[in-house]
Amino acid sequence: MPDPVNPPRRRFIGASMLTVAGAELALAGYAKAAQDVTGLGGAPAGVSAGFGPLRQVKAGPLDIGYADLGPSEGPVVMLLHGWPYDIHSYVDVAPWLASRGYRVIAPYLRGYGTTRFLSNTTMRSGQQAATATDIIALMDALRIPKAIVAGYDWGARTADVMAALWPERCTALVSVSGYLIINVSANQQPLPPQAELGWWYQYYFATERGRLGYDRNRRDFARLIWKLSSPKWDFDDATFERSAAAMDNPDHVAVVIHNYRWRLGLAEGDPLFDALERRLQAAPLIAVPTITIGSDFDGANADGEAYAKQFSGRHAHRVFRDIGHNVPQEAPQAFAQAVIDAGA
């Protein structure tokens, strides 16, 4: 029986790569059955190649750097990035949504880019409740009562936690790889050897050698993960370097290492989040309108069946063929359409 808390346990090692059928994009509306999406292209014509000047705002324990596009009175979309990526995963999604009347906010998560801790004494936690609380604090600081929350990787987990714990703040949810809320106890259960191979970096980060290695080789490490996670994405050096700069953040390594050690039960969480984490360990259902997305990165779990029961409200699932892990940057128009449809 699939683990309801970490059902995807996503694979890019040994996963069969799916082929594109060449059909047109079919993205309108909700449906209970999984929806295959093929013919995915790049950015729409006329989309900007970069963000304008970034903004900063003090929110909770952080001074958060973020991009803010679109009309201030428009419905808000919060776009949350993953590891080892940054807000430029949304460099084409954000202006496309903004041109359609949405206010789009793409923040650097703690430990990335221009986001900084306000105090040297704050624990550099990377746990799921910490990143989700940060975004709630950002919404409070910007006086945003509700937003469509969307993300992949760490960003999807953060969005899932927000939707589960603060549904009144979430208009809708778009989550790549589906239900990613972590149950630390369930994470102690072993997987088949080939599946464990896909998580090699987590075990590397569990050691002091791994921490030092990541600190010394951040860019090489990130480039390797990008290639393994999205083998068909032909990104260039400029695209990579634009995002890799976010890892120069002075707290980046501490936050990343804590994230992966905590999820394996090898590091204690921040006591400030104990009550929230206890609620998350119960695998709370998500009731807000949701579109989940599976890609080639998810292998056998791309169809979303393993976690469908965790979404108790209006829910649809879409499968993006020939797309790797960084879905919004590899298929920006399809991802943006999912955001629009989720909030409709």
Protein backbone atom coordinates (compact mmCIF):
# COMPACT_ATOMS: atom_id res chain seq x y z
CA MET A 1 0.00 0.00 0.00
CA PRO A 2 1.53 3.38 -0.91
CA ASP A 3 2.68 5.63 1.89
CA PRO A 4 0.05 8.43 2.04
CA VAL A 5 2.55 10.91 3.43
CA ASN A 6 5.44 10.53 1.02
CA PRO A 7 3.78 8.64 -1.84
CA PRO A 8 5.85 9.92 -4.72
CA ARG A 9 9.32 9.25 -3.19
CA ARG A 10 10.24 10.55 -6.61
CA ARG A 11 12.63 8.77 -8.90
CA PHE A 12 14.84 9.91 -11.70
CA ILE A 13 17.19 6.91 -11.55
CA GLY A 14 15.78 3.91 -13.37
CA ALA A 15 12.52 5.66 -14.31
CA SER A 16 11.34 4.94 -17.81
CA MET A 17 11.40 8.07 -19.94
CA LEU A 18 8.09 8.75 -21.63
CA THR A 19 7.78 9.89 -25.23
CA VAL A 20 5.93 12.88 -26.59
CA ALA A 21 2.86 12.28 -28.74
CA GLY A 22 2.99 15.62 -30.53
CA ALA A 23 -0.62 16.52 -29.75
CA GLU A 24 -1.82 20.03 -28.98
CA LEU A 25 -1.94 21.42 -25.43
CA ALA A 26 -5.19 20.48 -23.69
CA LEU A 27 -5.40 22.26 -20.37
CA ALA A 28 -8.86 23.70 -19.82
CA GLY A 29 -11.02 22.83 -16.83
CA TYR A 30 -10.97 20.23 -14.07
CA ALA A 31 -11.30 16.48 -14.40
CA LYS A 32 -11.01 13.65 -11.90
CA ALA A 33 -9.06 11.43 -14.28
CA ALA A 34 -5.38 12.08 -14.94
CA GLN A 35 -4.90 14.30 -17.95
CA ASP A 36 -1.90 13.73 -20.22
CA VAL A 37 -0.44 16.94 -21.60
CA THR A 38 1.73 16.67 -24.68
CA GLY A 39 3.18 19.04 -27.22
CA LEU A 40 4.69 21.21 -24.47
CA GLY A 41 6.63 24.15 -25.82
CA GLY A 42 8.80 26.81 -24.26
CA ALA A 43 7.91 30.33 -23.29
CA PRO A 44 5.14 32.12 -25.18
CA ALA A 45 6.23 34.69 -27.73
CA GLY A 46 6.94 38.12 -26.29
CA VAL A 47 7.66 36.98 -22.74
CA SER A 48 10.43 38.83 -20.89
CA ALA A 49 13.76 37.05 -20.48
CA GLY A 50 14.25 38.32 -16.92
CA PHE A 51 12.75 39.95 -13.84
CA GLY A 52 12.97 43.64 -13.19
CA PRO A 53 14.45 45.04 -9.96
CA LEU A 54 13.72 42.80 -6.97
CA ARG A 55 12.11 44.01 -3.76
CA GLN A 56 12.85 43.31 -0.09
CA VAL A 57 10.49 43.17 2.87
CA LYS A 58 10.94 42.18 6.52
CA ALA A 59 8.66 39.25 7.28
CA GLY A 60 8.91 37.08 10.37
CA PRO A 61 12.57 36.15 10.97
CA LEU A 62 13.63 37.15 7.45
CA ASP A 63 14.30 40.02 5.11
CA ILE A 64 12.80 38.37 2.03
CA GLY A 65 13.84 39.16 -1.53
CA TYR A 66 11.12 38.73 -4.12
CA ALA A 67 9.98 39.58 -7.62
CA ASP A 68 6.61 41.33 -7.86
CA LEU A 69 4.93 41.57 -11.26
CA GLY A 70 1.50 42.54 -12.50
CA PRO A 71 -1.25 44.85 -11.27
CA SER A 72 -1.30 45.42 -7.51
CA GLU A 73 -5.08 44.87 -7.39
CA GLY A 74 -5.00 41.60 -9.34
CA PRO A 75 -5.58 38.13 -7.86
CA VAL A 76 -2.32 37.07 -6.22
CA VAL A 77 -0.21 34.11 -7.28
CA MET A 78 2.67 32.99 -5.05
CA LEU A 79 5.30 31.04 -7.04
CA LEU A 80 7.66 28.96 -4.89
CA HIS A 81 10.92 27.52 -6.16
CA GLY A 82 12.82 24.35 -5.31
CA TRP A 83 16.36 23.12 -4.69
CA PRO A 84 18.87 23.63 -6.25
CA TYR A 85 17.04 26.28 -8.25
CA ASP A 86 15.71 29.78 -7.57
CA ILE A 87 13.02 32.27 -8.56
CA HIS A 88 14.20 32.22 -12.19
CA SER A 89 12.36 28.94 -12.59
CA TYR A 90 9.42 31.32 -13.05
CA VAL A 91 11.10 33.86 -15.29
CA ASP A 92 8.67 33.05 -18.12
CA VAL A 93 5.65 31.95 -16.06
CA ALA A 94 5.49 35.17 -14.01
CA PRO A 95 5.25 37.74 -16.84
CA TRP A 96 2.81 35.53 -18.73
CA LEU A 97 0.48 35.49 -15.71
CA ALA A 98 1.06 39.19 -15.02
CA SER A 99 0.01 40.04 -18.59
CA ARG A 100 -3.30 38.34 -17.83
CA GLY A 101 -4.03 40.49 -14.80
CA TYR A 102 -2.49 38.50 -11.97
CA ARG A 103 -0.21 39.96 -9.33
CA VAL A 104 2.66 37.48 -9.28
CA ILE A 105 5.11 37.18 -6.40
CA ALA A 106 8.16 34.91 -6.59
CA PRO A 107 10.14 34.96 -3.31
CA TYR A 108 13.55 33.56 -2.56
CA LEU A 109 13.12 30.88 0.10
CA ARG A 110 15.23 31.07 3.24
CA GLY A 111 18.87 30.41 2.35
CA TYR A 112 18.54 31.58 -1.26
CA GLY A 113 19.29 34.76 -3.17
CA THR A 114 18.74 38.04 -1.38
CA THR A 115 16.68 36.59 1.46
CA ARG A 116 18.49 37.05 4.78
CA PHE A 117 17.91 36.13 8.41
CA LEU A 118 17.40 39.17 10.63
CA SER A 119 19.16 37.60 13.62
CA ASN A 120 22.32 35.55 13.96
CA THR A 121 20.61 33.49 16.67
CA THR A 122 17.72 32.20 14.54
CA MET A 123 18.09 28.50 13.78
CA ARG A 124 18.91 27.94 10.11
CA SER A 125 16.17 25.37 9.78
CA GLY A 126 15.15 24.00 6.42
CA GLN A 127 12.19 21.97 7.67
CA GLN A 128 8.82 22.13 5.93
CA ALA A 129 6.99 24.12 8.63
CA ALA A 130 9.71 26.79 8.58
CA THR A 131 9.50 27.53 4.85
CA ALA A 132 5.69 27.51 4.89
CA THR A 133 5.55 29.86 7.88
CA ASP A 134 7.95 32.18 6.05
CA ILE A 135 5.54 32.54 3.13
CA ILE A 136 2.58 33.16 5.43
CA ALA A 137 4.67 35.88 7.10
CA LEU A 138 5.48 37.32 3.68
CA MET A 139 1.79 37.45 2.81
CA ASP A 140 1.11 39.20 6.12
CA ALA A 141 3.88 41.72 5.48
CA LEU A 142 2.49 42.49 2.02
CA ARG A 143 -1.10 42.54 3.33
CA ILE A 144 -2.17 39.72 1.06
CA PRO A 145 -5.11 37.83 2.58
CA LYS A 146 -5.21 34.98 0.02
CA ALA A 147 -3.20 33.71 -2.92
CA ILE A 148 -2.97 30.88 -5.39
CA VAL A 149 0.11 29.00 -4.21
CA ALA A 150 2.13 27.02 -6.74
CA GLY A 151 5.47 25.26 -6.70
CA TYR A 152 7.70 22.29 -7.36
CA ASP A 153 10.22 20.46 -5.15
CA TRP A 154 10.69 22.46 -1.91
CA GLY A 155 8.20 24.95 -3.31
CA ALA A 156 5.53 22.29 -3.83
CA ARG A 157 6.05 20.98 -0.30
CA THR A 158 5.83 24.51 1.08
CA ALA A 159 2.63 25.15 -0.88
CA ASP A 160 1.16 21.81 0.28
CA VAL A 161 1.86 22.69 3.91
CA MET A 162 0.28 26.11 3.49
CA ALA A 163 -2.84 24.58 1.94
CA ALA A 164 -3.07 21.96 4.68
CA LEU A 165 -2.48 24.24 7.69
CA TRP A 166 -3.80 27.58 6.43
CA PRO A 167 -6.47 26.77 3.82
CA GLU A 168 -8.12 30.14 4.43
CA ARG A 169 -5.01 31.80 2.97
CA CYS A 170 -4.94 29.68 -0.19
CA THR A 171 -7.29 30.38 -3.09
CA ALA A 172 -5.99 27.29 -4.89
CA LEU A 173 -2.94 25.05 -5.13
CA VAL A 174 -0.72 23.83 -7.97
CA SER A 175 1.71 21.17 -6.80
CA VAL A 176 4.27 19.40 -8.97
CA SER A 177 4.71 15.80 -7.79
CA GLY A 178 1.58 16.14 -5.68
CA TYR A 179 1.41 15.57 -1.94
CA LEU A 180 4.91 16.08 -0.57
CA ILE A 181 4.27 16.71 3.13
CA ILE A 182 6.93 14.78 5.02
CA ASN A 183 6.30 12.31 7.81
CA VAL A 184 9.71 11.85 9.44
CA SER A 185 8.79 8.49 10.99
CA ALA A 186 7.54 7.10 7.68
CA ASN A 187 10.73 8.33 6.06
CA GLN A 188 12.69 5.79 8.10
CA GLN A 189 11.28 2.94 6.03
CA PRO A 190 13.74 1.61 3.41
CA LEU A 191 13.07 1.48 -0.30
CA PRO A 192 14.34 -0.98 -2.91
CA PRO A 193 18.06 -0.43 -3.68
CA GLN A 194 17.52 1.13 -7.09
CA ALA A 195 15.01 3.58 -5.61
CA GLU A 196 17.43 4.46 -2.80
CA LEU A 197 20.04 5.27 -5.44
CA GLY A 198 17.91 8.21 -6.55
CA TRP A 199 18.35 9.77 -3.12
CA TRP A 200 22.15 9.46 -3.01
CA TYR A 201 22.64 13.15 -2.23
CA GLN A 202 20.54 12.91 0.94
CA TYR A 203 22.90 10.30 2.36
CA TYR A 204 25.89 12.35 1.24
CA PHE A 205 24.50 15.39 3.07
CA ALA A 206 24.09 13.29 6.22
CA THR A 207 27.88 13.29 6.61
CA GLU A 208 30.31 16.08 7.45
CA ARG A 209 32.15 15.23 4.25
CA GLY A 210 28.92 15.87 2.37
CA ARG A 211 28.40 19.24 4.02
CA LEU A 212 31.93 20.31 3.17
CA GLY A 213 31.64 18.93 -0.34
CA TYR A 214 28.43 20.78 -1.04
CA ASP A 215 29.84 24.01 0.39
CA ARG A 216 32.95 23.80 -1.80
CA ASN A 217 31.19 22.63 -4.97
CA ARG A 218 27.77 24.27 -4.93
CA ARG A 219 27.64 25.03 -8.66
CA ASP A 220 29.00 21.69 -9.82
CA PHE A 221 26.58 19.95 -7.51
CA ALA A 222 23.61 21.97 -8.73
CA ARG A 223 24.50 21.46 -12.38
CA LEU A 224 24.65 17.69 -11.83
CA ILE A 225 21.23 17.66 -10.14
CA TRP A 226 19.76 19.76 -12.96
CA LYS A 227 21.02 17.28 -15.56
CA LEU A 228 19.93 14.18 -13.65
CA SER A 229 16.51 15.60 -12.83
CA SER A 230 15.78 17.00 -16.31
CA PRO A 231 17.79 14.97 -18.82
CA LYS A 232 15.91 16.39 -21.83
CA TRP A 233 16.14 20.03 -20.79
CA ASP A 234 18.82 21.71 -22.89
CA PHE A 235 19.62 24.67 -20.64
CA ASP A 236 22.60 26.90 -21.44
CA ASP A 237 25.35 28.23 -19.17
CA ALA A 238 23.74 31.65 -18.81
CA THR A 239 20.46 30.12 -17.65
CA PHE A 240 22.26 27.98 -15.10
CA GLU A 241 24.49 30.76 -13.76
CA ARG A 242 21.54 33.12 -13.34
CA SER A 243 20.00 30.66 -10.86
CA ALA A 244 23.23 29.31 -9.36
CA ALA A 245 24.03 32.78 -8.01
CA ALA A 246 21.21 32.29 -5.48
CA MET A 247 23.31 29.63 -3.76
CA ASP A 248 25.93 32.21 -2.78
CA ASN A 249 23.60 33.15 0.08
CA PRO A 250 25.60 32.89 3.34
CA ASP A 251 22.97 30.64 4.94
CA HIS A 252 22.36 28.42 1.93
CA VAL A 253 24.44 25.43 2.97
CA ALA A 254 23.18 25.43 6.55
CA VAL A 255 19.53 25.51 5.45
CA VAL A 256 19.97 22.83 2.77
CA ILE A 257 21.89 20.44 5.01
CA HIS A 258 19.37 20.84 7.81
CA ASN A 259 16.50 20.18 5.41
CA TYR A 260 17.85 16.82 4.30
CA ARG A 261 19.12 15.73 7.69
CA TRP A 262 15.85 16.67 9.37
CA ARG A 263 13.70 14.73 6.92
CA LEU A 264 15.80 11.61 7.61
CA GLY A 265 15.45 12.08 11.38
CA LEU A 266 19.15 12.93 11.75
CA ALA A 267 18.66 16.50 12.98
CA GLU A 268 16.20 18.07 15.39
CA GLY A 269 13.77 20.64 14.08
CA ASP A 270 13.35 24.15 15.39
CA PRO A 271 11.22 23.92 18.57
CA LEU A 272 9.22 26.91 17.33
CA PHE A 273 7.62 24.61 14.76
CA ASP A 274 7.01 21.53 16.93
CA ALA A 275 3.24 22.05 17.15
CA LEU A 276 2.90 22.55 13.42
CA GLU A 277 5.05 19.53 12.64
CA ARG A 278 2.93 17.35 14.90
CA ARG A 279 -0.09 18.32 12.83
CA LEU A 280 1.77 17.58 9.61
CA GLN A 281 2.85 14.13 10.78
CA ALA A 282 -0.82 13.12 10.67
CA ALA A 283 -0.87 13.62 6.87
CA PRO A 284 -3.67 16.22 6.85
CA LEU A 285 -5.94 16.27 3.83
CA ILE A 286 -5.84 19.25 1.49
CA ALA A 287 -9.29 20.65 0.74
CA VAL A 288 -8.48 23.72 -1.37
CA PRO A 289 -8.98 23.47 -5.16
CA THR A 290 -5.88 21.73 -6.48
CA ILE A 291 -4.16 20.75 -9.69
CA THR A 292 -1.29 18.31 -9.26
CA ILE A 293 1.29 17.72 -11.98
CA GLY A 294 3.32 14.63 -12.75
CA SER A 295 6.32 14.61 -15.09
CA ASP A 296 8.91 12.15 -16.34
CA PHE A 297 10.85 12.85 -13.14
CA ASP A 298 8.15 11.09 -11.13
CA GLY A 299 8.52 7.81 -13.01
CA ALA A 300 5.82 5.32 -12.05
CA ASN A 301 4.13 7.92 -9.82
CA ALA A 302 3.55 10.37 -12.68
CA ASP A 303 -0.13 9.39 -12.87
CA GLY A 304 -0.73 10.80 -9.39
CA GLU A 305 -2.80 7.86 -8.17
CA ALA A 306 -0.61 7.24 -5.12
CA TYR A 307 -1.51 10.56 -3.52
CA ALA A 308 -4.90 11.44 -5.05
CA LYS A 309 -6.76 10.55 -1.85
CA GLN A 310 -4.86 13.25 0.06
CA PHE A 311 -6.82 15.92 -1.83
CA SER A 312 -10.36 16.04 -0.50
CA GLY A 313 -11.55 19.09 -2.46
CA ARG A 314 -11.78 19.79 -6.17
CA HIS A 315 -8.76 18.05 -7.66
CA ALA A 316 -7.38 17.37 -11.11
CA HIS A 317 -4.11 15.78 -12.17
CA ARG A 318 -2.06 16.51 -15.29
CA VAL A 319 0.85 14.53 -16.69
CA PHE A 320 3.49 16.50 -18.58
CA ARG A 321 5.33 14.22 -20.99
CA ASP A 322 9.01 14.67 -21.87
CA ILE A 323 9.39 17.18 -19.01
CA GLY A 324 11.77 16.79 -16.06
CA HIS A 325 11.70 18.12 -12.53
CA ASN A 326 11.86 21.89 -13.11
CA VAL A 327 8.39 21.96 -14.65
CA PRO A 328 7.73 25.73 -14.63
CA GLN A 329 10.97 26.49 -16.47
CA GLU A 330 10.75 23.55 -18.85
CA ALA A 331 7.04 24.00 -19.65
CA PRO A 332 6.18 27.55 -18.58
CA GLN A 333 3.00 28.05 -20.57
CA ALA A 334 1.49 24.75 -19.46
CA PHE A 335 2.41 25.47 -15.83
CA ALA A 336 0.93 28.97 -16.06
CA GLN A 337 -2.28 27.57 -17.53
CA ALA A 338 -2.52 25.14 -14.59
CA VAL A 339 -2.29 28.11 -12.22
CA ILE A 340 -5.09 29.90 -14.07
CA ASP A 341 -7.29 26.79 -14.15
CA ALA A 342 -6.72 25.98 -10.48
CA GLY A 343 -7.94 29.40 -9.43
CA ALA A 344 -10.88 29.54 -11.84
